[in-house]
Amino acid sequence: MEFRLIFPESDLRIIATRYPHQNSEDELIKIKKVITERQCLTKQDLKKVAYWKAPRSAGHVDKNDDDYVKEMTKFSFEATTERTRIEILTKLDGVSWPTASVILHWFYPDPYPILDFRALWSVNMSVPKQYSFDFWWPYVKYCREIASRNGIDMRTLDKALWQYSKENQK
């Protein structure tokens, strides 16, 4: 498995500026500080995350009890291994690998990319039949390398990958 950016790295910042601003993103920005201090999400927080990532399927998170959401997300925040950190989140109803990656992207102190078919297309990869740690972790490391090499944060990289696909993917 080899990730390869399909446009020049020098264009990352420019492409990221064309990413459309979303009001639902403002909601995540508003709750970021509280969540990072609290070290867990509430069911209401999870609903905002799920809606931002996939509005059509966001209702599935309603199946979770608030205490369960708090406990599982707290466990994820406290995990010492990368695999545990992401996989525990997928145990929540309505949270797939892409939504779990959003939680880490927005609220965990380390930089994490968002799993999305658009972003994957921009690094010359297809969405796998089933996500796994063996797919996700190399993608995280690859994105961290690109961001570091270009002096940008993960949010900027994520916007650029998504936007390039939006503009160019047939």
C-alpha atoms as a PDB file:
ATOM      1  CA  MET A   1       0.000   0.000   0.000  1.00  0.00           C
ATOM      2  CA  GLU A   2       1.567   3.217  -1.145  1.00  0.00           C
ATOM      3  CA  PHE A   3      -0.034   6.594  -0.647  1.00  0.00           C
ATOM      4  CA  ARG A   4       0.994   9.222  -3.186  1.00  0.00           C
ATOM      5  CA  LEU A   5      -0.254  12.777  -3.357  1.00  0.00           C
ATOM      6  CA  ILE A   6      -1.547  13.347  -6.894  1.00  0.00           C
ATOM      7  CA  PHE A   7      -0.876  17.091  -6.973  1.00  0.00           C
ATOM      8  CA  PRO A   8       2.217  19.132  -6.037  1.00  0.00           C
ATOM      9  CA  GLU A   9       2.749  19.570  -2.304  1.00  0.00           C
ATOM     10  CA  SER A  10       3.478  23.232  -2.986  1.00  0.00           C
ATOM     11  CA  ASP A  11      -0.228  23.659  -3.837  1.00  0.00           C
ATOM     12  CA  LEU A  12      -1.550  22.417  -0.471  1.00  0.00           C
ATOM     13  CA  ARG A  13      -2.111  25.831   1.115  1.00  0.00           C
ATOM     14  CA  ILE A  14      -3.692  27.320  -2.011  1.00  0.00           C
ATOM     15  CA  ILE A  15      -6.105  24.411  -2.468  1.00  0.00           C
ATOM     16  CA  ALA A  16      -7.039  24.446   1.228  1.00  0.00           C
ATOM     17  CA  THR A  17      -8.151  28.086   0.964  1.00  0.00           C
ATOM     18  CA  ARG A  18     -10.845  27.031  -1.521  1.00  0.00           C
ATOM     19  CA  TYR A  19     -12.415  24.601   0.963  1.00  0.00           C
ATOM     20  CA  PRO A  20     -15.997  25.725   1.633  1.00  0.00           C
ATOM     21  CA  HIS A  21     -16.677  26.981   5.128  1.00  0.00           C
ATOM     22  CA  GLN A  22     -19.448  25.045   6.839  1.00  0.00           C
ATOM     23  CA  ASN A  23     -21.555  26.260   9.746  1.00  0.00           C
ATOM     24  CA  SER A  24     -21.452  22.770  11.230  1.00  0.00           C
ATOM     25  CA  GLU A  25     -17.663  23.099  11.370  1.00  0.00           C
ATOM     26  CA  ASP A  26     -18.149  26.187  13.533  1.00  0.00           C
ATOM     27  CA  GLU A  27     -20.057  23.948  15.955  1.00  0.00           C
ATOM     28  CA  LEU A  28     -17.049  21.638  16.273  1.00  0.00           C
ATOM     29  CA  ILE A  29     -14.693  24.563  16.741  1.00  0.00           C
ATOM     30  CA  LYS A  30     -16.947  25.902  19.519  1.00  0.00           C
ATOM     31  CA  ILE A  31     -16.938  22.640  21.482  1.00  0.00           C
ATOM     32  CA  LYS A  32     -13.282  21.720  20.868  1.00  0.00           C
ATOM     33  CA  LYS A  33     -11.816  23.421  23.949  1.00  0.00           C
ATOM     34  CA  VAL A  34     -14.459  22.003  26.299  1.00  0.00           C
ATOM     35  CA  ILE A  35     -14.024  18.480  24.952  1.00  0.00           C
ATOM     36  CA  THR A  36     -10.238  18.542  25.075  1.00  0.00           C
ATOM     37  CA  GLU A  37     -10.385  19.767  28.684  1.00  0.00           C
ATOM     38  CA  ARG A  38     -13.104  17.276  29.671  1.00  0.00           C
ATOM     39  CA  GLN A  39     -11.315  14.436  27.812  1.00  0.00           C
ATOM     40  CA  CYS A  40     -14.557  12.878  26.593  1.00  0.00           C
ATOM     41  CA  LEU A  41     -17.561  13.568  24.421  1.00  0.00           C
ATOM     42  CA  THR A  42     -21.180  13.644  25.502  1.00  0.00           C
ATOM     43  CA  LYS A  43     -23.905  12.129  23.381  1.00  0.00           C
ATOM     44  CA  GLN A  44     -24.801  15.652  22.231  1.00  0.00           C
ATOM     45  CA  ASP A  45     -21.170  16.272  21.197  1.00  0.00           C
ATOM     46  CA  LEU A  46     -21.126  12.981  19.311  1.00  0.00           C
ATOM     47  CA  LYS A  47     -24.312  13.962  17.464  1.00  0.00           C
ATOM     48  CA  LYS A  48     -22.628  17.165  16.273  1.00  0.00           C
ATOM     49  CA  VAL A  49     -19.581  15.215  15.079  1.00  0.00           C
ATOM     50  CA  ALA A  50     -21.702  12.616  13.314  1.00  0.00           C
ATOM     51  CA  TYR A  51     -23.840  15.269  11.652  1.00  0.00           C
ATOM     52  CA  TRP A  52     -20.752  17.117  10.409  1.00  0.00           C
ATOM     53  CA  LYS A  53     -19.259  13.954   8.924  1.00  0.00           C
ATOM     54  CA  ALA A  54     -22.366  12.236   7.549  1.00  0.00           C
ATOM     55  CA  PRO A  55     -25.691  14.039   8.055  1.00  0.00           C
ATOM     56  CA  ARG A  56     -27.762  11.230   6.512  1.00  0.00           C
ATOM     57  CA  SER A  57     -26.549   8.597   8.970  1.00  0.00           C
ATOM     58  CA  ALA A  58     -26.010  10.818  12.018  1.00  0.00           C
ATOM     59  CA  GLY A  59     -29.203   9.610  13.687  1.00  0.00           C
ATOM     60  CA  HIS A  60     -27.620   6.234  14.432  1.00  0.00           C
ATOM     61  CA  VAL A  61     -25.648   7.738  17.312  1.00  0.00           C
ATOM     62  CA  ASP A  62     -28.947   8.271  19.152  1.00  0.00           C
ATOM     63  CA  LYS A  63     -28.829   4.557  20.044  1.00  0.00           C
ATOM     64  CA  ASN A  64     -25.966   5.279  22.467  1.00  0.00           C
ATOM     65  CA  ASP A  65     -26.554   6.084  26.112  1.00  0.00           C
ATOM     66  CA  ASP A  66     -24.859   9.327  27.229  1.00  0.00           C
ATOM     67  CA  ASP A  67     -22.815   7.545  29.918  1.00  0.00           C
ATOM     68  CA  TYR A  68     -21.627   4.970  27.368  1.00  0.00           C
ATOM     69  CA  VAL A  69     -20.478   7.741  25.000  1.00  0.00           C
ATOM     70  CA  LYS A  70     -18.610   9.488  27.811  1.00  0.00           C
ATOM     71  CA  GLU A  71     -16.960   6.273  28.999  1.00  0.00           C
ATOM     72  CA  MET A  72     -15.904   5.044  25.553  1.00  0.00           C
ATOM     73  CA  THR A  73     -14.571   8.400  24.394  1.00  0.00           C
ATOM     74  CA  LYS A  74     -12.736   8.899  27.695  1.00  0.00           C
ATOM     75  CA  PHE A  75     -11.164   5.475  27.246  1.00  0.00           C
ATOM     76  CA  SER A  76     -10.097   6.487  23.734  1.00  0.00           C
ATOM     77  CA  PHE A  77      -8.539   9.730  24.970  1.00  0.00           C
ATOM     78  CA  GLU A  78      -6.622   7.836  27.667  1.00  0.00           C
ATOM     79  CA  ALA A  79      -5.493   4.965  25.429  1.00  0.00           C
ATOM     80  CA  THR A  80      -1.761   4.504  25.059  1.00  0.00           C
ATOM     81  CA  THR A  81      -1.862   2.624  21.762  1.00  0.00           C
ATOM     82  CA  GLU A  82      -3.036   4.001  18.442  1.00  0.00           C
ATOM     83  CA  ARG A  83      -5.083   0.932  17.635  1.00  0.00           C
ATOM     84  CA  THR A  84      -7.043   1.131  20.876  1.00  0.00           C
ATOM     85  CA  ARG A  85      -7.497   4.875  20.482  1.00  0.00           C
ATOM     86  CA  ILE A  86      -9.406   4.523  17.209  1.00  0.00           C
ATOM     87  CA  GLU A  87     -10.973   1.082  17.432  1.00  0.00           C
ATOM     88  CA  ILE A  88     -12.700   1.730  20.748  1.00  0.00           C
ATOM     89  CA  LEU A  89     -14.589   4.604  19.117  1.00  0.00           C
ATOM     90  CA  THR A  90     -15.997   2.265  16.467  1.00  0.00           C
ATOM     91  CA  LYS A  91     -17.804   0.353  19.232  1.00  0.00           C
ATOM     92  CA  LEU A  92     -20.192   3.290  19.560  1.00  0.00           C
ATOM     93  CA  ASP A  93     -23.404   2.919  17.547  1.00  0.00           C
ATOM     94  CA  GLY A  94     -23.234   5.053  14.423  1.00  0.00           C
ATOM     95  CA  VAL A  95     -19.465   5.513  14.601  1.00  0.00           C
ATOM     96  CA  SER A  96     -17.549   3.977  11.720  1.00  0.00           C
ATOM     97  CA  TRP A  97     -13.850   4.434  11.031  1.00  0.00           C
ATOM     98  CA  PRO A  98     -14.411   7.734   9.186  1.00  0.00           C
ATOM     99  CA  THR A  99     -16.442   9.198  12.069  1.00  0.00           C
ATOM    100  CA  ALA A 100     -13.922   7.899  14.601  1.00  0.00           C
ATOM    101  CA  SER A 101     -11.192   9.638  12.605  1.00  0.00           C
ATOM    102  CA  VAL A 102     -13.178  12.891  12.855  1.00  0.00           C
ATOM    103  CA  ILE A 103     -13.239  12.606  16.658  1.00  0.00           C
ATOM    104  CA  LEU A 104      -9.474  12.164  16.764  1.00  0.00           C
ATOM    105  CA  HIS A 105      -8.936  14.888  14.140  1.00  0.00           C
ATOM    106  CA  TRP A 106     -10.852  17.537  16.033  1.00  0.00           C
ATOM    107  CA  PHE A 107     -10.367  16.668  19.683  1.00  0.00           C
ATOM    108  CA  TYR A 108      -7.186  14.699  20.255  1.00  0.00           C
ATOM    109  CA  PRO A 109      -3.950  16.653  20.783  1.00  0.00           C
ATOM    110  CA  ASP A 110      -1.975  14.636  18.216  1.00  0.00           C
ATOM    111  CA  PRO A 111      -2.669  15.321  14.537  1.00  0.00           C
ATOM    112  CA  TYR A 112      -4.979  12.858  12.781  1.00  0.00           C
ATOM    113  CA  PRO A 113      -6.350  13.004   9.234  1.00  0.00           C
ATOM    114  CA  ILE A 114      -9.989  12.355   8.465  1.00  0.00           C
ATOM    115  CA  LEU A 115     -10.790   9.189   6.556  1.00  0.00           C
ATOM    116  CA  ASP A 116     -12.848  10.260   3.579  1.00  0.00           C
ATOM    117  CA  PHE A 117     -13.215   8.966   0.030  1.00  0.00           C
ATOM    118  CA  ARG A 118     -12.226  12.395  -1.301  1.00  0.00           C
ATOM    119  CA  ALA A 119      -9.050  12.646   0.758  1.00  0.00           C
ATOM    120  CA  LEU A 120      -8.079   9.082  -0.132  1.00  0.00           C
ATOM    121  CA  TRP A 121      -8.581   9.804  -3.835  1.00  0.00           C
ATOM    122  CA  SER A 122      -6.183  12.741  -3.534  1.00  0.00           C
ATOM    123  CA  VAL A 123      -3.461  10.386  -2.279  1.00  0.00           C
ATOM    124  CA  ASN A 124      -4.135   7.845  -5.022  1.00  0.00           C
ATOM    125  CA  MET A 125      -6.000   5.352  -2.847  1.00  0.00           C
ATOM    126  CA  SER A 126      -9.440   3.814  -3.054  1.00  0.00           C
ATOM    127  CA  VAL A 127     -11.720   3.283  -0.112  1.00  0.00           C
ATOM    128  CA  PRO A 128     -11.023  -0.250   1.114  1.00  0.00           C
ATOM    129  CA  LYS A 129     -13.838  -2.793   1.301  1.00  0.00           C
ATOM    130  CA  GLN A 130     -13.375  -2.674   5.047  1.00  0.00           C
ATOM    131  CA  TYR A 131     -11.314  -0.227   7.056  1.00  0.00           C
ATOM    132  CA  SER A 132      -8.730  -1.650   9.406  1.00  0.00           C
ATOM    133  CA  PHE A 133      -5.906  -0.475  11.591  1.00  0.00           C
ATOM    134  CA  ASP A 134      -3.459  -1.787   8.988  1.00  0.00           C
ATOM    135  CA  PHE A 135      -4.941   0.657   6.468  1.00  0.00           C
ATOM    136  CA  TRP A 136      -5.575   3.583   8.803  1.00  0.00           C
ATOM    137  CA  TRP A 137      -2.257   3.789  10.632  1.00  0.00           C
ATOM    138  CA  PRO A 138      -0.050   4.028   7.481  1.00  0.00           C
ATOM    139  CA  TYR A 139      -2.439   6.718   6.215  1.00  0.00           C
ATOM    140  CA  VAL A 140      -2.052   8.667   9.475  1.00  0.00           C
ATOM    141  CA  LYS A 141       1.745   8.452   9.288  1.00  0.00           C
ATOM    142  CA  TYR A 142       1.748   9.471   5.621  1.00  0.00           C
ATOM    143  CA  CYS A 143      -0.435  12.518   6.317  1.00  0.00           C
ATOM    144  CA  ARG A 144       1.684  13.525   9.297  1.00  0.00           C
ATOM    145  CA  GLU A 145       4.785  13.380   7.112  1.00  0.00           C
ATOM    146  CA  ILE A 146       3.229  15.577   4.419  1.00  0.00           C
ATOM    147  CA  ALA A 147       1.949  18.107   6.962  1.00  0.00           C
ATOM    148  CA  SER A 148       5.287  18.257   8.751  1.00  0.00           C
ATOM    149  CA  ARG A 149       7.313  18.528   5.542  1.00  0.00           C
ATOM    150  CA  ASN A 150       5.135  21.433   4.390  1.00  0.00           C
ATOM    151  CA  GLY A 151       4.813  23.233   7.712  1.00  0.00           C
ATOM    152  CA  ILE A 152       1.013  22.983   7.807  1.00  0.00           C
ATOM    153  CA  ASP A 153      -1.406  21.651  10.371  1.00  0.00           C
ATOM    154  CA  MET A 154      -3.543  18.577   9.796  1.00  0.00           C
ATOM    155  CA  ARG A 155      -6.705  20.645   9.300  1.00  0.00           C
ATOM    156  CA  THR A 156      -5.096  22.488   6.377  1.00  0.00           C
ATOM    157  CA  LEU A 157      -3.926  19.219   4.840  1.00  0.00           C
ATOM    158  CA  ASP A 158      -7.348  17.664   5.270  1.00  0.00           C
ATOM    159  CA  LYS A 159      -9.057  20.618   3.604  1.00  0.00           C
ATOM    160  CA  ALA A 160      -6.620  20.493   0.678  1.00  0.00           C
ATOM    161  CA  LEU A 161      -7.073  16.749   0.113  1.00  0.00           C
ATOM    162  CA  TRP A 162     -10.858  17.030   0.235  1.00  0.00           C
ATOM    163  CA  GLN A 163     -11.034  20.118  -1.948  1.00  0.00           C
ATOM    164  CA  TYR A 164      -8.696  18.800  -4.643  1.00  0.00           C
ATOM    165  CA  SER A 165     -10.915  15.741  -5.040  1.00  0.00           C
ATOM    166  CA  LYS A 166     -14.069  17.857  -5.071  1.00  0.00           C
ATOM    167  CA  GLU A 167     -12.633  19.923  -7.926  1.00  0.00           C
ATOM    168  CA  ASN A 168     -11.076  17.070  -9.932  1.00  0.00           C
ATOM    169  CA  GLN A 169     -12.636  13.687  -9.190  1.00  0.00           C
ATOM    170  CA  LYS A 170     -15.111  12.560 -11.830  1.00  0.00           C
END
